[in-house]
Amino acid sequence: MTSLAFTGSLKKPLLVAAMLMVTLPLVGCYTPGERAAGGAVIGGLGGAAIGTVATGGLAAPVLAYSALGAATGAVIGAATAPVRHYY
């Protein structure tokens, strides 16, 4: 019986496509709260990806990397919110 799992050649493009689908709706975020939430999502996904590669998929380190990435992304996202100019 053959496996239904994706082969190595399909994993990377599908991962990139999934990450783009998650991050594209966050492009129009302008308030610090929206930027923090978007940064947390992007940082959490990035941290999980780095944790998976670095640890070989062990659950506890992946969750730690994901939490660290989410916290860092939220802080950076809130700090980089553009200033609205009212005329």
PDB file of N, CA and C in Angstrom:
ATOM      1  N   MET A   1       0.842  -1.167   0.000  1.00  0.00           N
ATOM      2  CA  MET A   1       0.000   0.000   0.000  1.00  0.00           C
ATOM      3  C   MET A   1       0.894   1.239   0.000  1.00  0.00           C
ATOM      4  N   THR A   2       0.515   2.237  -0.757  1.00  0.00           N
ATOM      5  CA  THR A   2       1.323   3.446  -0.856  1.00  0.00           C
ATOM      6  C   THR A   2       0.874   4.473   0.171  1.00  0.00           C
ATOM      7  N   SER A   3       1.786   5.338   0.534  1.00  0.00           N
ATOM      8  CA  SER A   3       1.506   6.369   1.517  1.00  0.00           C
ATOM      9  C   SER A   3       0.789   7.545   0.859  1.00  0.00           C
ATOM     10  N   LEU A   4      -0.119   8.147   1.585  1.00  0.00           N
ATOM     11  CA  LEU A   4      -0.823   9.321   1.084  1.00  0.00           C
ATOM     12  C   LEU A   4      -0.131  10.615   1.489  1.00  0.00           C
ATOM     13  N   ALA A   5       0.963  10.519   2.244  1.00  0.00           N
ATOM     14  CA  ALA A   5       1.694  11.703   2.672  1.00  0.00           C
ATOM     15  C   ALA A   5       2.397  12.332   1.477  1.00  0.00           C
ATOM     16  N   PHE A   6       2.593  13.635   1.563  1.00  0.00           N
ATOM     17  CA  PHE A   6       3.281  14.335   0.490  1.00  0.00           C
ATOM     18  C   PHE A   6       4.754  13.968   0.484  1.00  0.00           C
ATOM     19  N   THR A   7       5.311  13.911  -0.696  1.00  0.00           N
ATOM     20  CA  THR A   7       6.734  13.627  -0.809  1.00  0.00           C
ATOM     21  C   THR A   7       7.531  14.889  -0.506  1.00  0.00           C
ATOM     22  N   GLY A   8       8.833  14.743  -0.367  1.00  0.00           N
ATOM     23  CA  GLY A   8       9.698  15.864  -0.029  1.00  0.00           C
ATOM     24  C   GLY A   8       9.652  16.984  -1.038  1.00  0.00           C
ATOM     25  N   SER A   9       9.404  16.665  -2.317  1.00  0.00           N
ATOM     26  CA  SER A   9       9.401  17.708  -3.342  1.00  0.00           C
ATOM     27  C   SER A   9       8.156  18.592  -3.277  1.00  0.00           C
ATOM     28  N   LEU A  10       7.093  18.114  -2.647  1.00  0.00           N
ATOM     29  CA  LEU A  10       5.863  18.913  -2.549  1.00  0.00           C
ATOM     30  C   LEU A  10       5.716  19.646  -1.234  1.00  0.00           C
ATOM     31  N   LYS A  11       6.449  19.238  -0.225  1.00  0.00           N
ATOM     32  CA  LYS A  11       6.264  19.836   1.094  1.00  0.00           C
ATOM     33  C   LYS A  11       6.613  21.320   1.112  1.00  0.00           C
ATOM     34  N   LYS A  12       7.738  21.687   0.536  1.00  0.00           N
ATOM     35  CA  LYS A  12       8.189  23.076   0.614  1.00  0.00           C
ATOM     36  C   LYS A  12       7.240  24.033  -0.114  1.00  0.00           C
ATOM     37  N   PRO A  13       6.818  23.766  -1.358  1.00  0.00           N
ATOM     38  CA  PRO A  13       5.876  24.693  -2.005  1.00  0.00           C
ATOM     39  C   PRO A  13       4.531  24.778  -1.282  1.00  0.00           C
ATOM     40  N   LEU A  14       4.063  23.666  -0.736  1.00  0.00           N
ATOM     41  CA  LEU A  14       2.797  23.706  -0.007  1.00  0.00           C
ATOM     42  C   LEU A  14       2.939  24.491   1.286  1.00  0.00           C
ATOM     43  N   LEU A  15       4.071  24.377   1.952  1.00  0.00           N
ATOM     44  CA  LEU A  15       4.305  25.141   3.166  1.00  0.00           C
ATOM     45  C   LEU A  15       4.363  26.632   2.865  1.00  0.00           C
ATOM     46  N   VAL A  16       5.045  27.000   1.797  1.00  0.00           N
ATOM     47  CA  VAL A  16       5.136  28.418   1.413  1.00  0.00           C
ATOM     48  C   VAL A  16       3.752  28.955   1.046  1.00  0.00           C
ATOM     49  N   ALA A  17       2.987  28.179   0.311  1.00  0.00           N
ATOM     50  CA  ALA A  17       1.640  28.607  -0.073  1.00  0.00           C
ATOM     51  C   ALA A  17       0.743  28.769   1.158  1.00  0.00           C
ATOM     52  N   ALA A  18       0.854  27.862   2.101  1.00  0.00           N
ATOM     53  CA  ALA A  18       0.047  27.963   3.316  1.00  0.00           C
ATOM     54  C   ALA A  18       0.442  29.186   4.134  1.00  0.00           C
ATOM     55  N   MET A  19       1.730  29.458   4.227  1.00  0.00           N
ATOM     56  CA  MET A  19       2.170  30.629   4.991  1.00  0.00           C
ATOM     57  C   MET A  19       1.714  31.921   4.312  1.00  0.00           C
ATOM     58  N   LEU A  20       1.734  31.966   2.988  1.00  0.00           N
ATOM     59  CA  LEU A  20       1.253  33.150   2.269  1.00  0.00           C
ATOM     60  C   LEU A  20      -0.241  33.349   2.479  1.00  0.00           C
ATOM     61  N   MET A  21      -1.005  32.263   2.454  1.00  0.00           N
ATOM     62  CA  MET A  21      -2.444  32.369   2.651  1.00  0.00           C
ATOM     63  C   MET A  21      -2.769  32.904   4.039  1.00  0.00           C
ATOM     64  N   VAL A  22      -1.945  32.571   5.021  1.00  0.00           N
ATOM     65  CA  VAL A  22      -2.189  33.046   6.376  1.00  0.00           C
ATOM     66  C   VAL A  22      -1.766  34.501   6.534  1.00  0.00           C
ATOM     67  N   THR A  23      -0.670  34.898   5.896  1.00  0.00           N
ATOM     68  CA  THR A  23      -0.140  36.237   6.120  1.00  0.00           C
ATOM     69  C   THR A  23      -0.725  37.309   5.205  1.00  0.00           C
ATOM     70  N   LEU A  24      -1.242  36.980   4.062  1.00  0.00           N
ATOM     71  CA  LEU A  24      -1.757  37.996   3.143  1.00  0.00           C
ATOM     72  C   LEU A  24      -2.919  38.806   3.708  1.00  0.00           C
ATOM     73  N   PRO A  25      -3.851  38.221   4.455  1.00  0.00           N
ATOM     74  CA  PRO A  25      -4.911  39.062   5.028  1.00  0.00           C
ATOM     75  C   PRO A  25      -4.406  40.065   6.053  1.00  0.00           C
ATOM     76  N   LEU A  26      -3.205  39.898   6.534  1.00  0.00           N
ATOM     77  CA  LEU A  26      -2.661  40.789   7.551  1.00  0.00           C
ATOM     78  C   LEU A  26      -1.969  42.006   6.962  1.00  0.00           C
ATOM     79  N   VAL A  27      -1.968  42.149   5.656  1.00  0.00           N
ATOM     80  CA  VAL A  27      -1.246  43.238   5.006  1.00  0.00           C
ATOM     81  C   VAL A  27      -1.854  44.594   5.342  1.00  0.00           C
ATOM     82  N   GLY A  28      -3.154  44.686   5.493  1.00  0.00           N
ATOM     83  CA  GLY A  28      -3.807  45.971   5.716  1.00  0.00           C
ATOM     84  C   GLY A  28      -3.942  46.370   7.166  1.00  0.00           C
ATOM     85  N   CYS A  29      -3.177  45.799   8.063  1.00  0.00           N
ATOM     86  CA  CYS A  29      -3.272  46.118   9.489  1.00  0.00           C
ATOM     87  C   CYS A  29      -2.511  47.399   9.799  1.00  0.00           C
ATOM     88  N   TYR A  30      -3.202  48.365  10.424  1.00  0.00           N
ATOM     89  CA  TYR A  30      -2.549  49.638  10.691  1.00  0.00           C
ATOM     90  C   TYR A  30      -2.535  50.031  12.159  1.00  0.00           C
ATOM     91  N   THR A  31      -3.478  49.581  12.965  1.00  0.00           N
ATOM     92  CA  THR A  31      -3.452  49.962  14.381  1.00  0.00           C
ATOM     93  C   THR A  31      -2.430  49.099  15.117  1.00  0.00           C
ATOM     94  N   PRO A  32      -1.901  49.587  16.231  1.00  0.00           N
ATOM     95  CA  PRO A  32      -0.919  48.776  16.962  1.00  0.00           C
ATOM     96  C   PRO A  32      -1.474  47.421  17.409  1.00  0.00           C
ATOM     97  N   GLY A  33      -2.747  47.364  17.778  1.00  0.00           N
ATOM     98  CA  GLY A  33      -3.341  46.089  18.173  1.00  0.00           C
ATOM     99  C   GLY A  33      -3.421  45.099  17.030  1.00  0.00           C
ATOM    100  N   GLU A  34      -3.827  45.594  15.860  1.00  0.00           N
ATOM    101  CA  GLU A  34      -3.896  44.722  14.686  1.00  0.00           C
ATOM    102  C   GLU A  34      -2.503  44.265  14.281  1.00  0.00           C
ATOM    103  N   ARG A  35      -1.540  45.174  14.339  1.00  0.00           N
ATOM    104  CA  ARG A  35      -0.167  44.818  13.988  1.00  0.00           C
ATOM    105  C   ARG A  35       0.399  43.807  14.976  1.00  0.00           C
ATOM    106  N   ALA A  36       0.069  43.945  16.261  1.00  0.00           N
ATOM    107  CA  ALA A  36       0.550  42.998  17.266  1.00  0.00           C
ATOM    108  C   ALA A  36      -0.037  41.613  17.023  1.00  0.00           C
ATOM    109  N   ALA A  37      -1.337  41.555  16.708  1.00  0.00           N
ATOM    110  CA  ALA A  37      -1.970  40.260  16.433  1.00  0.00           C
ATOM    111  C   ALA A  37      -1.384  39.617  15.184  1.00  0.00           C
ATOM    112  N   GLY A  38      -1.204  40.400  14.147  1.00  0.00           N
ATOM    113  CA  GLY A  38      -0.609  39.870  12.922  1.00  0.00           C
ATOM    114  C   GLY A  38       0.823  39.428  13.138  1.00  0.00           C
ATOM    115  N   GLY A  39       1.586  40.214  13.891  1.00  0.00           N
ATOM    116  CA  GLY A  39       2.963  39.841  14.191  1.00  0.00           C
ATOM    117  C   GLY A  39       3.033  38.573  15.019  1.00  0.00           C
ATOM    118  N   ALA A  40       2.088  38.397  15.930  1.00  0.00           N
ATOM    119  CA  ALA A  40       2.058  37.180  16.739  1.00  0.00           C
ATOM    120  C   ALA A  40       1.781  35.952  15.880  1.00  0.00           C
ATOM    121  N   VAL A  41       0.871  36.076  14.932  1.00  0.00           N
ATOM    122  CA  VAL A  41       0.572  34.949  14.035  1.00  0.00           C
ATOM    123  C   VAL A  41       1.785  34.610  13.185  1.00  0.00           C
ATOM    124  N   ILE A  42       2.369  35.622  12.573  1.00  0.00           N
ATOM    125  CA  ILE A  42       3.522  35.388  11.707  1.00  0.00           C
ATOM    126  C   ILE A  42       4.706  34.860  12.528  1.00  0.00           C
ATOM    127  N   GLY A  43       4.959  35.451  13.695  1.00  0.00           N
ATOM    128  CA  GLY A  43       6.057  35.004  14.548  1.00  0.00           C
ATOM    129  C   GLY A  43       5.843  33.595  15.071  1.00  0.00           C
ATOM    130  N   GLY A  44       4.611  33.273  15.427  1.00  0.00           N
ATOM    131  CA  GLY A  44       4.313  31.920  15.902  1.00  0.00           C
ATOM    132  C   GLY A  44       4.529  30.870  14.825  1.00  0.00           C
ATOM    133  N   LEU A  45       4.082  31.169  13.606  1.00  0.00           N
ATOM    134  CA  LEU A  45       4.304  30.231  12.500  1.00  0.00           C
ATOM    135  C   LEU A  45       5.782  30.098  12.168  1.00  0.00           C
ATOM    136  N   GLY A  46       6.472  31.229  12.156  1.00  0.00           N
ATOM    137  CA  GLY A  46       7.906  31.185  11.883  1.00  0.00           C
ATOM    138  C   GLY A  46       8.662  30.446  12.970  1.00  0.00           C
ATOM    139  N   GLY A  47       8.313  30.698  14.223  1.00  0.00           N
ATOM    140  CA  GLY A  47       8.950  29.994  15.331  1.00  0.00           C
ATOM    141  C   GLY A  47       8.689  28.504  15.294  1.00  0.00           C
ATOM    142  N   ALA A  48       7.463  28.110  14.938  1.00  0.00           N
ATOM    143  CA  ALA A  48       7.153  26.688  14.825  1.00  0.00           C
ATOM    144  C   ALA A  48       7.945  26.035  13.704  1.00  0.00           C
ATOM    145  N   ALA A  49       8.084  26.743  12.582  1.00  0.00           N
ATOM    146  CA  ALA A  49       8.857  26.198  11.461  1.00  0.00           C
ATOM    147  C   ALA A  49      10.324  26.049  11.843  1.00  0.00           C
ATOM    148  N   ILE A  50      10.888  27.064  12.480  1.00  0.00           N
ATOM    149  CA  ILE A  50      12.287  26.990  12.904  1.00  0.00           C
ATOM    150  C   ILE A  50      12.467  25.901  13.957  1.00  0.00           C
ATOM    151  N   GLY A  51      11.540  25.813  14.902  1.00  0.00           N
ATOM    152  CA  GLY A  51      11.620  24.777  15.931  1.00  0.00           C
ATOM    153  C   GLY A  51      11.522  23.378  15.367  1.00  0.00           C
ATOM    154  N   THR A  52      10.684  23.197  14.348  1.00  0.00           N
ATOM    155  CA  THR A  52      10.564  21.888  13.722  1.00  0.00           C
ATOM    156  C   THR A  52      11.854  21.490  13.028  1.00  0.00           C
ATOM    157  N   VAL A  53      12.446  22.430  12.319  1.00  0.00           N
ATOM    158  CA  VAL A  53      13.689  22.137  11.612  1.00  0.00           C
ATOM    159  C   VAL A  53      14.832  21.926  12.602  1.00  0.00           C
ATOM    160  N   ALA A  54      14.898  22.749  13.639  1.00  0.00           N
ATOM    161  CA  ALA A  54      16.021  22.694  14.574  1.00  0.00           C
ATOM    162  C   ALA A  54      15.976  21.472  15.485  1.00  0.00           C
ATOM    163  N   THR A  55      14.776  21.020  15.852  1.00  0.00           N
ATOM    164  CA  THR A  55      14.683  19.933  16.830  1.00  0.00           C
ATOM    165  C   THR A  55      14.215  18.615  16.241  1.00  0.00           C
ATOM    166  N   GLY A  56      13.901  18.600  14.981  1.00  0.00           N
ATOM    167  CA  GLY A  56      13.436  17.359  14.368  1.00  0.00           C
ATOM    168  C   GLY A  56      11.987  17.046  14.659  1.00  0.00           C
ATOM    169  N   GLY A  57      11.220  18.012  15.121  1.00  0.00           N
ATOM    170  CA  GLY A  57       9.789  17.832  15.324  1.00  0.00           C
ATOM    171  C   GLY A  57       9.381  17.435  16.723  1.00  0.00           C
ATOM    172  N   LEU A  58      10.273  17.534  17.705  1.00  0.00           N
ATOM    173  CA  LEU A  58       9.886  17.237  19.084  1.00  0.00           C
ATOM    174  C   LEU A  58       8.879  18.275  19.560  1.00  0.00           C
ATOM    175  N   ALA A  59       7.849  17.837  20.267  1.00  0.00           N
ATOM    176  CA  ALA A  59       6.724  18.713  20.581  1.00  0.00           C
ATOM    177  C   ALA A  59       7.078  19.866  21.519  1.00  0.00           C
ATOM    178  N   ALA A  60       7.747  19.599  22.622  1.00  0.00           N
ATOM    179  CA  ALA A  60       8.011  20.648  23.608  1.00  0.00           C
ATOM    180  C   ALA A  60       8.885  21.769  23.053  1.00  0.00           C
ATOM    181  N   PRO A  61      10.003  21.460  22.394  1.00  0.00           N
ATOM    182  CA  PRO A  61      10.804  22.568  21.850  1.00  0.00           C
ATOM    183  C   PRO A  61      10.082  23.339  20.749  1.00  0.00           C
ATOM    184  N   VAL A  62       9.278  22.649  19.950  1.00  0.00           N
ATOM    185  CA  VAL A  62       8.541  23.339  18.889  1.00  0.00           C
ATOM    186  C   VAL A  62       7.551  24.325  19.500  1.00  0.00           C
ATOM    187  N   LEU A  63       6.879  23.922  20.562  1.00  0.00           N
ATOM    188  CA  LEU A  63       5.947  24.834  21.231  1.00  0.00           C
ATOM    189  C   LEU A  63       6.686  26.005  21.868  1.00  0.00           C
ATOM    190  N   ALA A  64       7.867  25.760  22.400  1.00  0.00           N
ATOM    191  CA  ALA A  64       8.654  26.841  22.994  1.00  0.00           C
ATOM    192  C   ALA A  64       9.100  27.832  21.918  1.00  0.00           C
ATOM    193  N   TYR A  65       9.585  27.321  20.788  1.00  0.00           N
ATOM    194  CA  TYR A  65       9.991  28.200  19.688  1.00  0.00           C
ATOM    195  C   TYR A  65       8.790  28.985  19.166  1.00  0.00           C
ATOM    196  N   SER A  66       7.641  28.327  19.086  1.00  0.00           N
ATOM    197  CA  SER A  66       6.438  28.982  18.595  1.00  0.00           C
ATOM    198  C   SER A  66       6.000  30.098  19.543  1.00  0.00           C
ATOM    199  N   ALA A  67       6.030  29.846  20.832  1.00  0.00           N
ATOM    200  CA  ALA A  67       5.649  30.870  21.811  1.00  0.00           C
ATOM    201  C   ALA A  67       6.623  32.042  21.786  1.00  0.00           C
ATOM    202  N   LEU A  68       7.906  31.738  21.685  1.00  0.00           N
ATOM    203  CA  LEU A  68       8.911  32.802  21.618  1.00  0.00           C
ATOM    204  C   LEU A  68       8.732  33.633  20.350  1.00  0.00           C
ATOM    205  N   GLY A  69       8.466  32.967  19.227  1.00  0.00           N
ATOM    206  CA  GLY A  69       8.234  33.681  17.973  1.00  0.00           C
ATOM    207  C   GLY A  69       6.983  34.537  18.023  1.00  0.00           C
ATOM    208  N   ALA A  70       5.915  34.018  18.640  1.00  0.00           N
ATOM    209  CA  ALA A  70       4.668  34.780  18.744  1.00  0.00           C
ATOM    210  C   ALA A  70       4.855  36.019  19.613  1.00  0.00           C
ATOM    211  N   ALA A  71       5.553  35.864  20.736  1.00  0.00           N
ATOM    212  CA  ALA A  71       5.779  37.016  21.614  1.00  0.00           C
ATOM    213  C   ALA A  71       6.643  38.063  20.928  1.00  0.00           C
ATOM    214  N   THR A  72       7.701  37.619  20.265  1.00  0.00           N
ATOM    215  CA  THR A  72       8.580  38.552  19.565  1.00  0.00           C
ATOM    216  C   THR A  72       7.837  39.241  18.427  1.00  0.00           C
ATOM    217  N   GLY A  73       7.052  38.479  17.668  1.00  0.00           N
ATOM    218  CA  GLY A  73       6.283  39.058  16.567  1.00  0.00           C
ATOM    219  C   GLY A  73       5.267  40.077  17.044  1.00  0.00           C
ATOM    220  N   ALA A  74       4.635  39.810  18.184  1.00  0.00           N
ATOM    221  CA  ALA A  74       3.653  40.756  18.717  1.00  0.00           C
ATOM    222  C   ALA A  74       4.316  42.061  19.131  1.00  0.00           C
ATOM    223  N   VAL A  75       5.461  41.966  19.782  1.00  0.00           N
ATOM    224  CA  VAL A  75       6.163  43.177  20.219  1.00  0.00           C
ATOM    225  C   VAL A  75       6.635  43.984  19.017  1.00  0.00           C
ATOM    226  N   ILE A  76       7.237  43.311  18.049  1.00  0.00           N
ATOM    227  CA  ILE A  76       7.734  44.015  16.861  1.00  0.00           C
ATOM    228  C   ILE A  76       6.577  44.587  16.048  1.00  0.00           C
ATOM    229  N   GLY A  77       5.495  43.827  15.919  1.00  0.00           N
ATOM    230  CA  GLY A  77       4.338  44.312  15.179  1.00  0.00           C
ATOM    231  C   GLY A  77       3.730  45.553  15.800  1.00  0.00           C
ATOM    232  N   ALA A  78       3.596  45.568  17.116  1.00  0.00           N
ATOM    233  CA  ALA A  78       3.034  46.740  17.792  1.00  0.00           C
ATOM    234  C   ALA A  78       3.969  47.939  17.712  1.00  0.00           C
ATOM    235  N   ALA A  79       5.269  47.670  17.757  1.00  0.00           N
ATOM    236  CA  ALA A  79       6.235  48.770  17.742  1.00  0.00           C
ATOM    237  C   ALA A  79       6.388  49.401  16.362  1.00  0.00           C
ATOM    238  N   THR A  80       6.047  48.674  15.321  1.00  0.00           N
ATOM    239  CA  THR A  80       6.242  49.185  13.964  1.00  0.00           C
ATOM    240  C   THR A  80       4.963  49.669  13.310  1.00  0.00           C
ATOM    241  N   ALA A  81       3.915  49.892  14.092  1.00  0.00           N
ATOM    242  CA  ALA A  81       2.663  50.391  13.525  1.00  0.00           C
ATOM    243  C   ALA A  81       2.891  51.812  12.990  1.00  0.00           C
ATOM    244  N   PRO A  82       2.417  52.083  11.775  1.00  0.00           N
ATOM    245  CA  PRO A  82       2.620  53.414  11.220  1.00  0.00           C
ATOM    246  C   PRO A  82       1.800  54.464  11.972  1.00  0.00           C
ATOM    247  N   VAL A  83       2.322  55.653  12.019  1.00  0.00           N
ATOM    248  CA  VAL A  83       1.648  56.766  12.685  1.00  0.00           C
ATOM    249  C   VAL A  83       0.684  57.401  11.683  1.00  0.00           C
ATOM    250  N   ARG A  84      -0.558  57.557  12.108  1.00  0.00           N
ATOM    251  CA  ARG A  84      -1.530  58.198  11.239  1.00  0.00           C
ATOM    252  C   ARG A  84      -1.401  59.710  11.347  1.00  0.00           C
ATOM    253  N   HIS A  85      -1.388  60.358  10.235  1.00  0.00           N
ATOM    254  CA  HIS A  85      -1.304  61.806  10.207  1.00  0.00           C
ATOM    255  C   HIS A  85      -2.682  62.362   9.863  1.00  0.00           C
ATOM    256  N   TYR A  86      -3.202  63.193  10.738  1.00  0.00           N
ATOM    257  CA  TYR A  86      -4.483  63.813  10.510  1.00  0.00           C
ATOM    258  C   TYR A  86      -4.259  65.265  10.074  1.00  0.00           C
ATOM    259  N   TYR A  87      -4.871  65.644   8.995  1.00  0.00           N
ATOM    260  CA  TYR A  87      -4.693  67.006   8.487  1.00  0.00           C
ATOM    261  C   TYR A  87      -5.968  67.788   8.633  1.00  0.00           C
TER     262      TYR A  87
END
